[in-house]
Amino acid sequence: MTPQQENAVFECPENLDIASVSALHGVLCDWLNEHASLALDAGNVEKVDTAGIQLLCSLFVSAQKTPLKLTWQCVSTLIWDTAQRLDVTALLNLTADMIQDKPVGSEKT
């Protein structure tokens, strides 16, 4: 399947936890099949657990096996701190300069 759109931005939900990863996995798979380049915006993530981080790790590992360009637009402090504690910042291609917490209520209209 040829990607239909390039340079897409996927805004991660506020809750990236075990309760949401199953549904999010399906959504992300669809996005990966539809875009040649995908940037993740995780600046609004307020809740994350190991299941959420595992989903992101799986996404990055899978993307390395394809021509898809997967990057970060920004990450919340919580994503950064959790990835550091789990020692997966390198796997997720995260750097501290990507931290950009979004104020509550800053959703796009």
N, C-alpha and C. Protein backbone atom coordinates (compact mmCIF):
# COMPACT_ATOMS: atom_id res chain seq x y z
N MET A 1 0.84 -1.17 0.00
CA MET A 1 0.00 0.00 0.00
C MET A 1 0.89 1.24 0.00
N THR A 2 0.62 2.16 -0.90
CA THR A 2 1.37 3.40 -0.97
C THR A 2 0.83 4.40 0.03
N PRO A 3 1.69 5.00 0.85
CA PRO A 3 1.20 5.99 1.80
C PRO A 3 0.49 7.12 1.09
N GLN A 4 -0.62 7.56 1.66
CA GLN A 4 -1.43 8.58 1.03
C GLN A 4 -1.01 9.98 1.42
N GLN A 5 -0.43 10.14 2.57
CA GLN A 5 -0.17 11.47 3.09
C GLN A 5 1.18 11.48 3.78
N GLU A 6 1.91 12.57 3.62
CA GLU A 6 3.20 12.69 4.28
C GLU A 6 3.12 13.72 5.40
N ASN A 7 4.08 13.67 6.30
CA ASN A 7 4.24 14.65 7.37
C ASN A 7 3.00 14.81 8.24
N ALA A 8 2.40 13.74 8.62
CA ALA A 8 1.22 13.77 9.48
C ALA A 8 1.66 13.86 10.94
N VAL A 9 0.80 14.48 11.77
CA VAL A 9 1.04 14.58 13.20
C VAL A 9 -0.09 13.84 13.91
N PHE A 10 0.30 12.87 14.75
CA PHE A 10 -0.67 12.12 15.53
C PHE A 10 -0.63 12.65 16.96
N GLU A 11 -1.75 13.18 17.44
CA GLU A 11 -1.82 13.67 18.81
C GLU A 11 -2.22 12.53 19.74
N CYS A 12 -1.31 12.17 20.61
CA CYS A 12 -1.57 11.10 21.57
C CYS A 12 -2.64 11.52 22.57
N PRO A 13 -3.42 10.56 23.04
CA PRO A 13 -4.45 10.88 24.03
C PRO A 13 -3.81 11.24 25.38
N GLU A 14 -4.61 11.88 26.24
CA GLU A 14 -4.11 12.26 27.57
C GLU A 14 -3.74 11.04 28.40
N ASN A 15 -4.48 9.95 28.21
CA ASN A 15 -4.22 8.71 28.96
C ASN A 15 -3.61 7.68 28.03
N LEU A 16 -2.38 7.34 28.31
CA LEU A 16 -1.67 6.34 27.53
C LEU A 16 -1.34 5.20 28.49
N ASP A 17 -2.39 4.43 28.79
CA ASP A 17 -2.26 3.40 29.81
C ASP A 17 -2.91 2.10 29.33
N ILE A 18 -2.86 1.10 30.20
CA ILE A 18 -3.34 -0.23 29.83
C ILE A 18 -4.80 -0.21 29.37
N ALA A 19 -5.59 0.71 29.89
CA ALA A 19 -7.00 0.79 29.51
C ALA A 19 -7.19 1.30 28.09
N SER A 20 -6.19 2.00 27.55
CA SER A 20 -6.36 2.61 26.23
C SER A 20 -5.47 2.03 25.13
N VAL A 21 -4.45 1.23 25.49
CA VAL A 21 -3.48 0.80 24.48
C VAL A 21 -4.06 -0.12 23.41
N SER A 22 -5.01 -0.95 23.75
CA SER A 22 -5.57 -1.85 22.75
C SER A 22 -6.24 -1.07 21.62
N ALA A 23 -7.08 -0.12 21.98
CA ALA A 23 -7.75 0.70 20.97
C ALA A 23 -6.75 1.59 20.24
N LEU A 24 -5.79 2.14 20.99
CA LEU A 24 -4.80 3.02 20.39
C LEU A 24 -3.91 2.26 19.41
N HIS A 25 -3.61 1.01 19.71
CA HIS A 25 -2.79 0.20 18.80
C HIS A 25 -3.44 0.12 17.42
N GLY A 26 -4.73 -0.13 17.38
CA GLY A 26 -5.44 -0.19 16.10
C GLY A 26 -5.40 1.13 15.34
N VAL A 27 -5.59 2.21 16.06
CA VAL A 27 -5.57 3.55 15.45
C VAL A 27 -4.18 3.84 14.89
N LEU A 28 -3.15 3.54 15.67
CA LEU A 28 -1.78 3.80 15.22
C LEU A 28 -1.42 2.94 14.01
N CYS A 29 -1.87 1.70 13.99
CA CYS A 29 -1.61 0.84 12.82
C CYS A 29 -2.23 1.45 11.56
N ASP A 30 -3.44 1.97 11.69
CA ASP A 30 -4.08 2.63 10.55
C ASP A 30 -3.26 3.84 10.10
N TRP A 31 -2.81 4.65 11.05
CA TRP A 31 -2.01 5.82 10.70
C TRP A 31 -0.71 5.42 10.02
N LEU A 32 -0.08 4.37 10.52
CA LEU A 32 1.18 3.92 9.92
C LEU A 32 1.00 3.47 8.48
N ASN A 33 -0.15 2.88 8.19
CA ASN A 33 -0.43 2.41 6.83
C ASN A 33 -0.81 3.54 5.88
N GLU A 34 -1.17 4.68 6.42
CA GLU A 34 -1.67 5.78 5.59
C GLU A 34 -0.67 6.92 5.40
N HIS A 35 0.46 6.89 6.10
CA HIS A 35 1.38 8.02 6.06
C HIS A 35 2.82 7.55 5.84
N ALA A 36 3.56 8.36 5.09
CA ALA A 36 4.97 8.07 4.85
C ALA A 36 5.84 8.62 5.96
N SER A 37 5.34 9.62 6.65
CA SER A 37 6.07 10.27 7.73
C SER A 37 5.08 10.61 8.83
N LEU A 38 5.44 10.27 10.05
CA LEU A 38 4.53 10.47 11.16
C LEU A 38 5.28 11.05 12.35
N ALA A 39 4.78 12.16 12.88
CA ALA A 39 5.34 12.77 14.09
C ALA A 39 4.33 12.57 15.22
N LEU A 40 4.81 12.11 16.35
CA LEU A 40 3.94 11.91 17.51
C LEU A 40 3.97 13.14 18.40
N ASP A 41 2.80 13.64 18.73
CA ASP A 41 2.66 14.76 19.65
C ASP A 41 2.15 14.18 20.96
N ALA A 42 3.04 14.06 21.93
CA ALA A 42 2.67 13.48 23.23
C ALA A 42 2.82 14.51 24.35
N GLY A 43 2.69 15.77 23.99
CA GLY A 43 2.84 16.84 24.97
C GLY A 43 1.68 16.95 25.93
N ASN A 44 0.56 16.33 25.58
CA ASN A 44 -0.62 16.42 26.46
C ASN A 44 -0.85 15.15 27.28
N VAL A 45 0.07 14.20 27.23
CA VAL A 45 -0.10 12.96 27.97
C VAL A 45 0.06 13.22 29.47
N GLU A 46 -1.00 12.92 30.21
CA GLU A 46 -1.01 13.15 31.66
C GLU A 46 -0.95 11.87 32.47
N LYS A 47 -1.20 10.73 31.81
CA LYS A 47 -1.17 9.44 32.49
C LYS A 47 -0.52 8.43 31.55
N VAL A 48 0.51 7.75 32.04
CA VAL A 48 1.18 6.73 31.24
C VAL A 48 1.64 5.62 32.19
N ASP A 49 1.57 4.40 31.70
CA ASP A 49 2.09 3.26 32.46
C ASP A 49 2.98 2.44 31.54
N THR A 50 3.47 1.32 32.05
CA THR A 50 4.39 0.52 31.23
C THR A 50 3.73 0.00 29.96
N ALA A 51 2.43 -0.28 29.98
CA ALA A 51 1.75 -0.74 28.77
C ALA A 51 1.80 0.35 27.70
N GLY A 52 1.62 1.59 28.10
CA GLY A 52 1.69 2.70 27.15
C GLY A 52 3.08 2.86 26.57
N ILE A 53 4.09 2.76 27.41
CA ILE A 53 5.47 2.86 26.94
C ILE A 53 5.81 1.67 26.04
N GLN A 54 5.32 0.48 26.39
CA GLN A 54 5.56 -0.70 25.55
C GLN A 54 4.95 -0.51 24.16
N LEU A 55 3.78 0.08 24.10
CA LEU A 55 3.15 0.35 22.81
C LEU A 55 4.04 1.28 21.98
N LEU A 56 4.54 2.33 22.60
CA LEU A 56 5.42 3.26 21.88
C LEU A 56 6.71 2.57 21.44
N CYS A 57 7.28 1.74 22.30
CA CYS A 57 8.50 0.99 21.92
C CYS A 57 8.22 0.08 20.74
N SER A 58 7.11 -0.61 20.77
CA SER A 58 6.74 -1.50 19.67
C SER A 58 6.58 -0.72 18.37
N LEU A 59 5.98 0.45 18.48
CA LEU A 59 5.79 1.30 17.31
C LEU A 59 7.12 1.70 16.69
N PHE A 60 8.07 2.11 17.54
CA PHE A 60 9.37 2.53 17.02
C PHE A 60 10.17 1.36 16.46
N VAL A 61 10.10 0.20 17.09
CA VAL A 61 10.79 -0.98 16.58
C VAL A 61 10.21 -1.37 15.22
N SER A 62 8.89 -1.37 15.12
CA SER A 62 8.23 -1.71 13.85
C SER A 62 8.58 -0.71 12.76
N ALA A 63 8.62 0.57 13.11
CA ALA A 63 8.93 1.61 12.12
C ALA A 63 10.35 1.47 11.58
N GLN A 64 11.27 0.98 12.40
CA GLN A 64 12.65 0.79 11.95
C GLN A 64 12.75 -0.25 10.84
N LYS A 65 11.75 -1.11 10.74
CA LYS A 65 11.76 -2.18 9.73
C LYS A 65 11.07 -1.76 8.44
N THR A 66 10.63 -0.52 8.37
CA THR A 66 9.90 -0.01 7.21
C THR A 66 10.53 1.30 6.75
N PRO A 67 10.10 1.80 5.60
CA PRO A 67 10.59 3.11 5.15
C PRO A 67 9.94 4.29 5.89
N LEU A 68 9.00 4.00 6.77
CA LEU A 68 8.29 5.04 7.50
C LEU A 68 9.25 5.88 8.34
N LYS A 69 9.09 7.18 8.28
CA LYS A 69 9.86 8.08 9.13
C LYS A 69 9.00 8.43 10.33
N LEU A 70 9.39 7.96 11.51
CA LEU A 70 8.65 8.18 12.75
C LEU A 70 9.48 9.06 13.67
N THR A 71 8.90 10.20 14.07
CA THR A 71 9.60 11.16 14.91
C THR A 71 8.66 11.66 16.01
N TRP A 72 9.19 12.50 16.84
CA TRP A 72 8.42 13.15 17.90
C TRP A 72 8.23 14.62 17.57
N GLN A 73 7.06 15.12 17.80
CA GLN A 73 6.86 16.57 17.75
C GLN A 73 7.20 17.13 19.12
N CYS A 74 6.68 16.49 20.16
CA CYS A 74 7.01 16.84 21.53
C CYS A 74 6.52 15.73 22.46
N VAL A 75 7.02 15.74 23.69
CA VAL A 75 6.59 14.77 24.71
C VAL A 75 6.36 15.51 26.02
N SER A 76 5.50 14.96 26.85
CA SER A 76 5.27 15.53 28.17
C SER A 76 6.41 15.11 29.09
N THR A 77 6.56 15.85 30.17
CA THR A 77 7.55 15.49 31.19
C THR A 77 7.30 14.08 31.69
N LEU A 78 6.05 13.71 31.81
CA LEU A 78 5.70 12.37 32.30
C LEU A 78 6.20 11.28 31.36
N ILE A 79 6.03 11.45 30.06
CA ILE A 79 6.56 10.47 29.09
C ILE A 79 8.08 10.38 29.23
N TRP A 80 8.74 11.52 29.28
CA TRP A 80 10.20 11.55 29.41
C TRP A 80 10.65 10.83 30.68
N ASP A 81 10.06 11.20 31.81
CA ASP A 81 10.46 10.60 33.08
C ASP A 81 10.23 9.09 33.10
N THR A 82 9.09 8.66 32.57
CA THR A 82 8.77 7.22 32.55
C THR A 82 9.73 6.47 31.63
N ALA A 83 10.00 7.03 30.47
CA ALA A 83 10.94 6.40 29.54
C ALA A 83 12.34 6.31 30.15
N GLN A 84 12.73 7.34 30.88
CA GLN A 84 14.04 7.30 31.55
C GLN A 84 14.08 6.21 32.61
N ARG A 85 13.03 6.14 33.43
CA ARG A 85 13.00 5.12 34.49
C ARG A 85 13.06 3.71 33.90
N LEU A 86 12.43 3.53 32.74
CA LEU A 86 12.41 2.21 32.10
C LEU A 86 13.61 2.00 31.17
N ASP A 87 14.47 3.01 31.06
CA ASP A 87 15.68 2.95 30.25
C ASP A 87 15.39 2.67 28.77
N VAL A 88 14.40 3.38 28.23
CA VAL A 88 14.04 3.19 26.82
C VAL A 88 14.09 4.50 26.03
N THR A 89 14.75 5.52 26.56
CA THR A 89 14.81 6.79 25.83
C THR A 89 15.52 6.62 24.48
N ALA A 90 16.58 5.82 24.44
CA ALA A 90 17.30 5.60 23.18
C ALA A 90 16.42 4.84 22.18
N LEU A 91 15.74 3.81 22.64
CA LEU A 91 14.85 3.04 21.77
C LEU A 91 13.76 3.92 21.18
N LEU A 92 13.28 4.88 21.98
CA LEU A 92 12.21 5.77 21.54
C LEU A 92 12.75 7.04 20.85
N ASN A 93 14.05 7.12 20.70
CA ASN A 93 14.67 8.29 20.07
C ASN A 93 14.28 9.59 20.78
N LEU A 94 14.24 9.54 22.10
CA LEU A 94 13.85 10.71 22.89
C LEU A 94 15.07 11.48 23.38
N THR A 95 14.96 12.80 23.36
CA THR A 95 15.96 13.67 23.96
C THR A 95 15.23 14.70 24.82
N ALA A 96 15.92 15.23 25.82
CA ALA A 96 15.30 16.14 26.77
C ALA A 96 14.74 17.40 26.11
N ASP A 97 15.30 17.81 24.99
CA ASP A 97 14.80 19.04 24.34
C ASP A 97 13.43 18.85 23.70
N MET A 98 12.92 17.63 23.70
CA MET A 98 11.58 17.35 23.15
C MET A 98 10.47 17.60 24.16
N ILE A 99 10.82 17.81 25.43
CA ILE A 99 9.81 17.99 26.47
C ILE A 99 9.07 19.30 26.26
N GLN A 100 7.77 19.20 26.18
CA GLN A 100 6.93 20.38 26.02
C GLN A 100 5.54 20.05 26.57
N ASP A 101 5.37 20.27 27.84
CA ASP A 101 4.07 20.03 28.44
C ASP A 101 3.08 21.06 27.93
N LYS A 102 1.91 20.58 27.56
CA LYS A 102 0.86 21.49 27.10
C LYS A 102 -0.06 21.79 28.27
N PRO A 103 -0.42 23.05 28.44
CA PRO A 103 -1.34 23.39 29.51
C PRO A 103 -2.69 22.70 29.31
N VAL A 104 -3.34 22.32 30.41
CA VAL A 104 -4.66 21.72 30.33
C VAL A 104 -5.60 22.69 29.63
N GLY A 105 -6.39 22.17 28.72
CA GLY A 105 -7.33 23.03 27.99
C GLY A 105 -6.75 23.69 26.77
N SER A 106 -5.57 23.22 26.33
CA SER A 106 -4.94 23.85 25.16
C SER A 106 -5.27 23.12 23.88
N GLU A 107 -6.33 22.32 23.89
CA GLU A 107 -6.70 21.55 22.71
C GLU A 107 -6.96 22.47 21.52
N LYS A 108 -6.69 21.92 20.35
CA LYS A 108 -6.96 22.66 19.11
C LYS A 108 -8.45 22.73 18.89
N THR A 109 -8.90 23.86 18.42
CA THR A 109 -10.33 24.00 18.12
C THR A 109 -10.55 24.15 16.65
